[in-house]
Protein backbone atom coordinates (compact mmCIF):
# COMPACT_ATOMS: atom_id res chain seq x y z
CA MET A 1 43.37 94.79 90.69
CA LEU A 2 44.84 96.50 93.76
CA LEU A 3 45.76 93.12 95.24
CA LEU A 4 47.54 92.18 92.02
CA LEU A 5 49.54 95.42 92.08
CA LEU A 6 50.48 94.89 95.75
CA TYR A 7 51.53 91.32 94.98
CA ARG A 8 53.75 92.43 92.07
CA TRP A 9 55.27 95.26 94.16
CA ALA A 10 56.06 92.84 97.03
CA LYS A 11 57.60 90.32 94.62
CA LEU A 12 59.70 93.06 92.94
CA SER A 13 60.84 94.38 96.35
CA MET A 14 61.96 90.90 97.41
CA HIS A 15 63.78 90.46 94.10
CA ASN A 16 65.49 93.87 94.47
CA SER A 17 66.52 93.09 98.05
CA LYS A 18 68.13 89.84 96.83
CA ILE A 19 70.02 91.81 94.19
CA ALA A 20 71.07 94.43 96.74
CA ARG A 21 72.22 91.72 99.14
CA ASN A 22 74.22 89.96 96.39
CA VAL A 23 75.81 93.25 95.29
CA ALA A 24 76.75 94.04 98.92
CA ILE A 25 78.29 90.58 99.38
CA GLY A 26 80.21 90.85 96.10
CA THR A 27 81.50 94.31 97.00
CA GLY A 28 82.55 93.06 100.44
CA VAL A 29 84.51 90.18 98.90
CA VAL A 30 86.33 92.53 96.50
CA VAL A 31 87.20 94.99 99.30
CA LEU A 32 88.44 92.14 101.52
CA ALA A 33 90.60 90.71 98.72
CA PHE A 34 92.08 94.16 98.02
CA PHE A 35 92.83 94.65 101.74
CA ILE A 36 94.57 91.25 101.96
CA LEU A 37 96.62 92.07 98.87
CA LEU A 38 97.57 95.46 100.31
CA VAL A 39 98.65 94.00 103.66
CA THR A 40 100.66 91.09 102.24
CA ALA A 41 102.29 92.82 99.26
CA LYS A 42 105.93 93.87 99.42
CA PRO A 43 106.56 97.61 99.25
CA ARG A 44 107.21 98.65 95.66
CA GLY A 45 110.80 99.53 96.52
CA GLU A 46 111.67 96.05 97.65
CA ARG A 47 112.08 94.80 94.11
CA GLY A 48 114.91 95.50 91.76
CA ILE A 49 113.81 96.92 88.44
CA SER A 50 115.40 96.60 85.04
CA THR A 51 117.65 99.24 83.55
CA PRO A 52 120.10 99.24 80.62
CA LEU A 53 122.75 100.35 83.14
CA LEU A 54 122.80 97.00 84.99
CA GLY A 55 126.23 95.42 84.64
CA ASN A 56 127.64 98.57 83.03
CA PRO A 57 129.79 101.38 84.42
CA ALA A 58 127.78 103.87 86.46
CA PRO A 59 127.31 107.30 84.92
CA ALA A 60 129.81 109.91 86.06
CA VAL A 61 128.76 111.72 89.22
CA SER A 62 130.82 114.74 90.15
CA SER A 63 128.91 117.50 91.87
CA PRO A 64 129.00 119.85 94.86
CA LEU A 65 127.91 118.58 98.25
CA VAL A 66 125.30 120.27 100.41
CA GLY A 67 127.38 122.21 102.94
CA GLY A 68 130.49 122.44 100.74
CA GLY A 69 133.01 120.20 99.04
CA THR A 70 132.63 117.98 96.01
CA PHE A 71 131.60 114.36 95.54
CA ASP A 72 133.15 112.32 92.73
CA LEU A 73 131.82 108.76 92.30
CA ALA A 74 134.95 107.76 90.34
CA ARG A 75 136.99 108.35 93.51
CA ARG A 76 134.84 105.82 95.40
CA LYS A 77 136.14 102.87 93.40
CA GLY A 78 137.10 100.09 95.78
CA SER A 79 133.93 100.69 97.85
CA TRP A 80 130.34 99.59 97.56
CA VAL A 81 128.22 102.73 97.12
CA VAL A 82 124.46 103.12 97.48
CA LEU A 83 123.10 106.21 95.74
CA ASN A 84 119.69 107.24 97.08
CA PHE A 85 117.79 109.85 95.07
CA PHE A 86 115.84 112.04 97.51
CA ASN A 87 113.69 115.14 97.96
CA SER A 88 112.85 116.54 101.41
CA THR A 89 109.19 117.11 100.49
CA CYS A 90 108.68 113.61 99.05
CA VAL A 91 106.45 111.61 101.43
CA PRO A 92 107.95 108.17 100.60
CA CYS A 93 111.47 109.67 100.95
CA ARG A 94 110.59 110.95 104.41
CA ALA A 95 109.06 107.60 105.37
CA GLU A 96 112.12 105.66 104.18
CA HIS A 97 114.66 107.95 105.90
CA PRO A 98 114.79 106.14 109.30
CA GLN A 99 115.49 102.92 107.37
CA LEU A 100 118.43 104.60 105.59
CA VAL A 101 119.76 105.86 108.93
CA ALA A 102 119.65 102.27 110.24
CA PHE A 103 121.27 100.95 107.03
CA GLN A 104 124.12 103.45 107.27
CA LYS A 105 124.66 102.62 110.94
CA ASN A 106 124.77 98.88 110.16
CA GLN A 107 127.13 99.33 107.21
CA SER A 108 129.52 101.61 109.13
CA ALA A 109 129.87 98.84 111.76
CA LEU A 110 131.05 96.38 109.06
CA GLU A 111 134.53 96.09 107.67
CA ASN A 112 134.28 97.59 104.17
CA GLY A 113 130.55 98.31 104.56
CA ALA A 114 128.70 100.10 101.79
CA GLU A 115 128.77 103.89 101.67
CA LEU A 116 125.43 105.68 101.48
CA VAL A 117 125.18 108.84 99.39
CA THR A 118 122.08 110.98 98.89
CA VAL A 119 121.53 112.62 95.52
CA VAL A 120 119.27 115.63 96.02
CA ASN A 121 116.51 115.75 93.43
CA ASP A 122 114.93 119.16 92.73
CA ASP A 123 115.33 120.56 96.26
CA SER A 124 117.19 123.41 97.94
CA ASP A 125 120.38 122.93 99.94
CA ALA A 126 118.77 124.71 102.91
CA ALA A 127 115.73 122.41 102.95
CA VAL A 128 117.92 119.30 102.69
CA ALA A 129 120.31 120.50 105.41
CA GLU A 130 117.36 121.26 107.71
CA PHE A 131 115.77 117.85 107.05
CA PHE A 132 118.98 115.96 107.85
CA LYS A 133 119.68 118.12 110.91
CA LYS A 134 116.23 117.25 112.25
CA ASN A 135 116.11 113.57 111.17
CA GLY A 136 119.73 112.44 111.29
CA GLY A 137 121.99 110.99 108.63
CA ASP A 138 125.63 112.04 108.40
CA TRP A 139 126.43 110.72 104.93
CA PRO A 140 127.23 112.89 101.86
CA LYS A 141 124.38 114.80 100.17
CA VAL A 142 125.17 115.48 96.51
CA THR A 143 123.44 118.37 94.75
CA ASP A 144 121.96 117.84 91.30
CA PRO A 145 120.92 121.41 90.40
CA ASP A 146 120.21 120.80 86.71
CA GLY A 147 118.97 117.21 87.11
CA ALA A 148 121.85 115.82 85.04
CA ILE A 149 122.61 113.01 87.49
CA ALA A 150 118.98 111.91 87.68
CA VAL A 151 118.74 111.97 83.87
CA ALA A 152 121.98 109.98 83.47
CA PHE A 153 120.60 107.27 85.76
CA GLY A 154 117.09 107.43 84.29
CA VAL A 155 115.44 108.16 87.63
CA ALA A 156 111.68 108.21 87.14
CA LYS A 157 110.70 109.51 90.57
CA VAL A 158 112.11 109.57 94.07
CA PRO A 159 112.94 107.71 96.17
CA GLU A 160 115.12 105.49 94.06
CA SER A 161 118.27 103.64 95.15
CA TRP A 162 121.18 102.34 93.09
CA VAL A 163 123.92 99.95 94.21
CA ILE A 164 127.35 100.49 92.63
CA ASP A 165 130.06 97.85 93.08
CA PRO A 166 133.73 98.55 93.94
CA SER A 167 134.66 98.51 90.24
CA GLY A 168 132.13 101.26 89.52
CA PHE A 169 129.50 99.04 87.85
CA VAL A 170 125.76 99.31 88.45
CA ARG A 171 124.51 96.17 90.21
CA LEU A 172 120.98 97.04 91.35
CA ARG A 173 118.25 99.63 90.86
CA ILE A 174 115.40 99.86 93.37
CA ALA A 175 112.42 102.12 92.73
CA GLY A 176 110.45 103.25 95.77
CA GLU A 177 111.04 102.91 99.50
CA VAL A 178 113.55 100.43 100.89
CA THR A 179 114.07 98.96 104.32
CA SER A 180 117.42 98.63 106.06
CA ASP A 181 117.13 94.83 106.16
CA PHE A 182 116.27 94.54 102.47
CA LEU A 183 119.07 96.87 101.35
CA SER A 184 121.63 95.20 103.65
CA ALA A 185 120.63 91.75 102.38
CA LYS A 186 120.87 92.86 98.73
CA VAL A 187 124.32 94.41 99.21
CA ALA A 188 125.53 91.26 101.01
CA GLU A 189 124.09 89.07 98.23
CA LEU A 190 125.75 91.14 95.51
CA ARG A 191 129.04 91.10 97.42
CA ARG A 192 128.91 87.27 97.64
CA GLU A 193 128.15 87.01 93.90
CA LEU A 194 131.06 89.28 93.01
CA GLU A 195 133.49 87.47 95.31
CA ALA A 196 132.45 83.97 94.19
CA PRO A 197 135.16 82.11 92.19
C-alpha cells in the first residue's frame, strides 16, 4: 500500500513538473513577444489621428502669451504653424521637448519653415517660464486659462500636436510624443501636397 502511494505521488509530481515547465515556457514566449512588440512599435505620437477638423479652418486662437503679449492664430496666415499642447508636469511632454527644440531649430533654418507654438494646458505661467528657461525653446507659449483652446481642438490629453497650413486649415493631428524627424517629414509632405498642381 505504501509503495502504491509513493508511486502515485512520484507520477503526480512528474506530471505537475511537466505542467509547470509548460506554463513557464508559455509565459516566457508571451513576455518575449510583448518585449519585441514594445521595442519595434512606433511611439503613439508618430501617427496622425482622425478629427472632424481635418481639412477645415482651425478654431480661433487668440490668447495672452506667457511673459506678455497676445497670440492670434488668424494673424499667422501665410505660415505653416505647429500647435503643441503642453504641460510642464506631463512626463511625455518633458520627454518630447528636446525633439521640439530640434524641430524648431531645423525649421528656423529653412526659408518659410513652420512656426512652433506651445499651447499651455492647465499649468501656471511661472512653471512654464521656468521649464523653458531651464530646457530651452524660444517660441511663443500661449496661455489657455479656461481650457477653451483645448476644447475647441478636442485635445484629449497632452502632448498633442496640430499642423495648420498657411490658409489656416487643419492638416494633421498627432496624439502623443513626436520626434523632430517625424514632424519635419510630415510638414514637408503636407507642403508638397498643398503645392502640387
